[in-house]
Amino acid sequence: MTKWEYATVPLLVHATKQILDTWGEDGWELVQVVPGPTGSEQLVAYLKREKQ
């Protein structure tokens, strides 16, 4: 059975691609992006990768 680890990452609107590219290089896969607790100004990304 595959085991996963998860991360939640705040996304800055002006640097979203750079942030996601950095996490992707470390093997993280984007699962979902949702509005943060302060509204649409801030987004939160949920990521997963296979646990080693």
Protein backbone atom coordinates (compact mmCIF):
# COMPACT_ATOMS: atom_id res chain seq x y z
CA MET A 1 0.00 0.00 0.00
CA THR A 2 1.31 3.43 -0.93
CA LYS A 3 1.87 5.80 1.98
CA TRP A 4 1.69 9.56 1.43
CA GLU A 5 2.90 12.63 3.24
CA TYR A 6 1.13 15.96 2.87
CA ALA A 7 2.01 19.64 3.07
CA THR A 8 0.01 22.85 3.12
CA VAL A 9 1.73 25.85 1.60
CA PRO A 10 0.61 29.49 1.56
CA LEU A 11 0.82 30.90 -1.97
CA LEU A 12 1.74 34.47 -2.70
CA VAL A 13 -0.24 35.67 -5.73
CA HIS A 14 2.79 37.33 -7.33
CA ALA A 15 5.03 34.22 -6.90
CA THR A 16 2.65 31.27 -7.29
CA LYS A 17 4.50 29.60 -10.17
CA GLN A 18 7.89 29.94 -8.50
CA ILE A 19 6.59 28.48 -5.23
CA LEU A 20 4.90 25.52 -6.93
CA ASP A 21 7.93 24.86 -9.17
CA THR A 22 10.18 24.76 -6.10
CA TRP A 23 7.96 22.24 -4.30
CA GLY A 24 7.53 20.23 -7.52
CA GLU A 25 11.31 19.87 -7.86
CA ASP A 26 11.27 18.23 -4.43
CA GLY A 27 8.75 15.65 -5.62
CA TRP A 28 5.55 17.25 -4.31
CA GLU A 29 2.36 16.97 -6.40
CA LEU A 30 -0.29 19.68 -6.25
CA VAL A 31 -3.63 18.30 -5.06
CA GLN A 32 -5.74 21.42 -4.59
CA VAL A 33 -5.63 25.19 -4.15
CA VAL A 34 -8.19 26.85 -1.87
CA PRO A 35 -8.72 30.38 -0.54
CA GLY A 36 -6.83 31.07 2.66
CA PRO A 37 -8.37 32.12 5.96
CA THR A 38 -8.15 35.79 5.02
CA GLY A 39 -10.10 35.37 1.77
CA SER A 40 -9.14 35.37 -1.89
CA GLU A 41 -6.09 37.58 -1.34
CA GLN A 42 -4.21 34.57 -0.05
CA LEU A 43 -4.31 31.02 -1.42
CA VAL A 44 -3.29 27.78 0.24
CA ALA A 45 -1.92 24.84 -1.76
CA TYR A 46 -2.31 21.25 -0.62
CA LEU A 47 0.46 18.96 -1.84
CA LYS A 48 1.34 15.29 -1.50
CA ARG A 49 4.24 12.97 -2.27
CA GLU A 50 4.96 9.34 -1.72
CA LYS A 51 6.50 8.71 1.69
CA GLN A 52 10.04 7.32 1.51
